C-alpha cells in the first residue's frame, strides 16, 4: 500500500527517504514488508504518503491489498535505460 501510494504521488524512493529522514534502502525494505524495519520509520513513511494504518476494518484492508496487487502487476518489474547505439 505504501509503494502504491508513493507511485501515485510520483515520488521516487530517494525523495520519500529524504522527506522521512531515512535511507533509500530502508524505504525499499518497508515497501517489501520487511518485519525487521523500525516501526517508527514505517509509521513516518506511511504518514508521508497518506496511508492510514489504523481505523480500517478487515474488508477495507483486503480491498486495498487486492487493488494494490492488481496495480503493481501492471507496472514493469524494473526500468532500464536504453542501450547506447
N, C-alpha and C. Protein backbone atom coordinates (compact mmCIF):
# COMPACT_ATOMS: atom_id res chain seq x y z
N UNK A 1 0.83 -1.19 0.00
CA UNK A 1 0.00 0.00 0.00
C UNK A 1 0.87 1.26 0.00
N UNK A 2 1.98 1.19 0.71
CA UNK A 2 2.87 2.35 0.76
C UNK A 2 3.51 2.57 -0.61
N UNK A 3 3.95 1.51 -1.24
CA UNK A 3 4.56 1.65 -2.56
C UNK A 3 3.57 2.23 -3.56
N UNK A 4 2.36 1.72 -3.55
CA UNK A 4 1.34 2.22 -4.48
C UNK A 4 1.07 3.70 -4.24
N UNK A 5 0.95 4.09 -2.98
CA UNK A 5 0.71 5.50 -2.65
C UNK A 5 1.89 6.36 -3.08
N UNK A 6 3.10 5.86 -2.92
CA UNK A 6 4.30 6.61 -3.34
C UNK A 6 4.29 6.82 -4.85
N UNK A 7 3.97 5.77 -5.58
CA UNK A 7 3.94 5.84 -7.04
C UNK A 7 2.84 6.79 -7.51
N UNK A 8 1.68 6.72 -6.87
CA UNK A 8 0.58 7.62 -7.22
C UNK A 8 0.94 9.08 -7.00
N UNK A 9 1.78 9.34 -6.00
CA UNK A 9 2.20 10.70 -5.71
C UNK A 9 3.44 11.11 -6.49
N UNK A 10 3.89 10.21 -7.36
CA UNK A 10 5.04 10.45 -8.23
C UNK A 10 6.30 10.80 -7.45
N UNK A 11 6.51 10.05 -6.37
CA UNK A 11 7.72 10.21 -5.56
C UNK A 11 8.66 9.06 -5.85
N UNK A 12 9.94 9.34 -5.92
CA UNK A 12 10.93 8.27 -6.01
C UNK A 12 11.22 7.76 -4.61
N UNK A 13 11.86 6.61 -4.52
CA UNK A 13 12.22 6.10 -3.19
C UNK A 13 13.18 7.07 -2.51
N UNK A 14 14.07 7.69 -3.28
CA UNK A 14 15.02 8.64 -2.69
C UNK A 14 14.31 9.88 -2.16
N UNK A 15 13.33 10.39 -2.91
CA UNK A 15 12.59 11.56 -2.45
C UNK A 15 11.82 11.25 -1.16
N UNK A 16 11.20 10.08 -1.10
CA UNK A 16 10.47 9.68 0.10
C UNK A 16 11.44 9.50 1.26
N UNK A 17 12.58 8.90 1.00
CA UNK A 17 13.58 8.71 2.05
C UNK A 17 14.07 10.06 2.59
N UNK A 18 14.30 11.01 1.70
CA UNK A 18 14.75 12.34 2.13
C UNK A 18 13.69 13.01 2.99
N UNK A 19 12.43 12.91 2.61
CA UNK A 19 11.36 13.53 3.40
C UNK A 19 11.22 12.87 4.77
N UNK A 20 11.43 11.56 4.83
CA UNK A 20 11.28 10.84 6.09
C UNK A 20 12.55 10.88 6.94
N UNK A 21 13.66 11.28 6.34
CA UNK A 21 14.92 11.33 7.07
C UNK A 21 15.52 9.96 7.30
N UNK A 22 15.29 9.05 6.34
CA UNK A 22 15.83 7.69 6.43
C UNK A 22 16.55 7.36 5.12
N UNK A 23 17.15 6.18 5.06
CA UNK A 23 17.87 5.78 3.86
C UNK A 23 16.91 5.24 2.80
N UNK A 24 17.36 5.30 1.56
CA UNK A 24 16.58 4.76 0.44
C UNK A 24 16.38 3.25 0.61
N UNK A 25 17.39 2.57 1.10
CA UNK A 25 17.30 1.13 1.32
C UNK A 25 16.22 0.78 2.35
N UNK A 26 16.09 1.60 3.38
CA UNK A 26 15.06 1.36 4.40
C UNK A 26 13.67 1.55 3.80
N UNK A 27 13.51 2.54 2.93
CA UNK A 27 12.21 2.73 2.26
C UNK A 27 11.89 1.48 1.43
N UNK A 28 12.87 0.97 0.72
CA UNK A 28 12.65 -0.22 -0.10
C UNK A 28 12.28 -1.42 0.77
N UNK A 29 12.93 -1.56 1.91
CA UNK A 29 12.60 -2.67 2.82
C UNK A 29 11.20 -2.51 3.40
N UNK A 30 10.82 -1.28 3.72
CA UNK A 30 9.47 -1.02 4.23
C UNK A 30 8.44 -1.40 3.18
N UNK A 31 8.68 -1.01 1.92
CA UNK A 31 7.75 -1.33 0.84
C UNK A 31 7.63 -2.83 0.60
N UNK A 32 8.68 -3.56 0.88
CA UNK A 32 8.65 -5.02 0.71
C UNK A 32 8.04 -5.73 1.92
N UNK A 33 7.82 -4.99 3.00
CA UNK A 33 7.20 -5.57 4.18
C UNK A 33 8.17 -6.25 5.12
N UNK A 34 9.41 -5.83 5.11
CA UNK A 34 10.42 -6.41 5.98
C UNK A 34 10.05 -6.16 7.45
N UNK A 35 9.83 -7.23 8.23
CA UNK A 35 9.42 -7.05 9.62
C UNK A 35 10.53 -6.52 10.52
N UNK A 36 11.77 -6.48 10.04
CA UNK A 36 12.88 -6.00 10.86
C UNK A 36 13.01 -4.47 10.83
N UNK A 37 12.19 -3.80 10.03
CA UNK A 37 12.26 -2.34 9.95
C UNK A 37 11.73 -1.70 11.23
N UNK A 38 12.31 -0.58 11.58
CA UNK A 38 11.86 0.14 12.78
C UNK A 38 10.43 0.61 12.57
N UNK A 39 9.60 0.39 13.56
CA UNK A 39 8.18 0.73 13.45
C UNK A 39 7.98 2.23 13.27
N UNK A 40 8.83 3.03 13.88
CA UNK A 40 8.72 4.48 13.74
C UNK A 40 8.94 4.92 12.31
N UNK A 41 9.93 4.32 11.65
CA UNK A 41 10.20 4.64 10.24
C UNK A 41 9.01 4.23 9.37
N UNK A 42 8.44 3.08 9.69
CA UNK A 42 7.28 2.59 8.95
C UNK A 42 6.12 3.58 9.07
N UNK A 43 5.84 4.03 10.28
CA UNK A 43 4.75 4.99 10.51
C UNK A 43 5.03 6.31 9.81
N UNK A 44 6.27 6.77 9.86
CA UNK A 44 6.63 8.04 9.22
C UNK A 44 6.41 7.99 7.71
N UNK A 45 6.88 6.93 7.08
CA UNK A 45 6.72 6.77 5.63
C UNK A 45 5.23 6.67 5.28
N UNK A 46 4.48 5.90 6.03
CA UNK A 46 3.05 5.76 5.77
C UNK A 46 2.34 7.10 5.88
N UNK A 47 2.70 7.90 6.88
CA UNK A 47 2.07 9.21 7.06
C UNK A 47 2.40 10.14 5.91
N UNK A 48 3.62 10.11 5.43
CA UNK A 48 4.04 10.99 4.33
C UNK A 48 3.27 10.71 3.06
N UNK A 49 3.04 9.43 2.75
CA UNK A 49 2.33 9.10 1.51
C UNK A 49 0.83 9.00 1.71
N UNK A 50 0.37 9.19 2.94
CA UNK A 50 -1.07 9.22 3.19
C UNK A 50 -1.75 7.89 3.37
N UNK A 51 -1.01 6.87 3.77
CA UNK A 51 -1.60 5.56 4.02
C UNK A 51 -2.04 5.49 5.47
N UNK A 52 -3.31 5.21 5.69
CA UNK A 52 -3.84 5.08 7.05
C UNK A 52 -3.58 3.65 7.53
N UNK A 53 -2.89 3.54 8.63
CA UNK A 53 -2.56 2.21 9.16
C UNK A 53 -3.57 1.73 10.19
N UNK A 54 -4.37 2.64 10.70
CA UNK A 54 -5.35 2.27 11.71
C UNK A 54 -6.73 2.71 11.24
N UNK A 55 -7.73 2.33 11.98
CA UNK A 55 -9.12 2.69 11.66
C UNK A 55 -9.62 2.09 10.36
N UNK A 56 -9.10 0.97 9.97
CA UNK A 56 -9.58 0.28 8.77
C UNK A 56 -9.98 -1.13 9.17
N UNK A 57 -11.13 -1.56 8.73
CA UNK A 57 -11.57 -2.91 9.05
C UNK A 57 -10.95 -3.91 8.07
N UNK A 58 -11.16 -5.17 8.34
CA UNK A 58 -10.56 -6.24 7.53
C UNK A 58 -11.00 -6.16 6.07
N UNK A 59 -12.26 -5.90 5.82
CA UNK A 59 -12.77 -5.83 4.44
C UNK A 59 -12.10 -4.67 3.68
N UNK A 60 -11.93 -3.54 4.34
CA UNK A 60 -11.30 -2.39 3.69
C UNK A 60 -9.85 -2.70 3.35
N UNK A 61 -9.14 -3.31 4.29
CA UNK A 61 -7.75 -3.68 4.03
C UNK A 61 -7.63 -4.71 2.92
N UNK A 62 -8.52 -5.70 2.90
CA UNK A 62 -8.49 -6.72 1.85
C UNK A 62 -8.71 -6.10 0.48
N UNK A 63 -9.65 -5.18 0.41
CA UNK A 63 -9.92 -4.49 -0.86
C UNK A 63 -8.71 -3.68 -1.29
N UNK A 64 -8.09 -2.97 -0.36
CA UNK A 64 -6.91 -2.15 -0.68
C UNK A 64 -5.74 -3.02 -1.14
N UNK A 65 -5.55 -4.15 -0.49
CA UNK A 65 -4.45 -5.04 -0.87
C UNK A 65 -4.70 -5.63 -2.25
N UNK A 66 -5.92 -6.02 -2.55
CA UNK A 66 -6.25 -6.56 -3.87
C UNK A 66 -6.03 -5.51 -4.95
N UNK A 67 -6.49 -4.28 -4.70
CA UNK A 67 -6.29 -3.20 -5.67
C UNK A 67 -4.80 -2.91 -5.85
N UNK A 68 -4.06 -2.96 -4.76
CA UNK A 68 -2.62 -2.73 -4.81
C UNK A 68 -1.93 -3.79 -5.66
N UNK A 69 -2.25 -5.03 -5.44
CA UNK A 69 -1.64 -6.12 -6.21
C UNK A 69 -1.99 -6.02 -7.69
N UNK A 70 -3.23 -5.65 -8.00
CA UNK A 70 -3.64 -5.50 -9.39
C UNK A 70 -2.87 -4.37 -10.06
N UNK A 71 -2.70 -3.26 -9.35
CA UNK A 71 -1.96 -2.12 -9.90
C UNK A 71 -0.49 -2.45 -10.10
N UNK A 72 0.11 -3.09 -9.12
CA UNK A 72 1.53 -3.43 -9.22
C UNK A 72 1.81 -4.46 -10.30
N UNK A 73 0.83 -5.31 -10.61
CA UNK A 73 1.00 -6.30 -11.68
C UNK A 73 1.13 -5.62 -13.04
N UNK A 74 0.58 -4.44 -13.17
CA UNK A 74 0.64 -3.72 -14.44
C UNK A 74 1.96 -2.96 -14.63
N UNK A 75 2.66 -2.71 -13.55
CA UNK A 75 3.90 -1.96 -13.62
C UNK A 75 5.06 -2.86 -14.00
N UNK A 76 6.05 -2.33 -14.70
CA UNK A 76 7.22 -3.15 -15.03
C UNK A 76 8.01 -3.48 -13.77
N UNK A 77 8.68 -4.62 -13.79
CA UNK A 77 9.50 -5.02 -12.65
C UNK A 77 10.67 -4.05 -12.46
N UNK A 78 11.24 -3.61 -13.57
CA UNK A 78 12.35 -2.65 -13.50
C UNK A 78 12.36 -1.85 -14.80
N UNK A 79 13.01 -0.73 -14.73
CA UNK A 79 13.14 0.12 -15.91
C UNK A 79 14.63 0.29 -16.16
N UNK A 80 15.00 -0.03 -17.37
CA UNK A 80 16.44 0.09 -17.72
C UNK A 80 16.59 1.17 -18.78
N UNK A 81 17.66 1.93 -18.68
CA UNK A 81 17.88 2.95 -19.72
C UNK A 81 18.19 2.27 -21.06
N UNK A 82 17.84 2.91 -22.16
CA UNK A 82 18.14 2.30 -23.46
C UNK A 82 19.65 2.18 -23.65
N UNK A 83 20.05 1.15 -24.36
CA UNK A 83 21.47 0.95 -24.65
C UNK A 83 21.94 1.97 -25.67
N UNK A 84 23.16 2.47 -25.51
CA UNK A 84 23.68 3.43 -26.48
C UNK A 84 23.90 2.74 -27.83
N UNK A 85 23.66 3.48 -28.87
CA UNK A 85 23.83 2.88 -30.22
C UNK A 85 25.13 3.28 -30.83
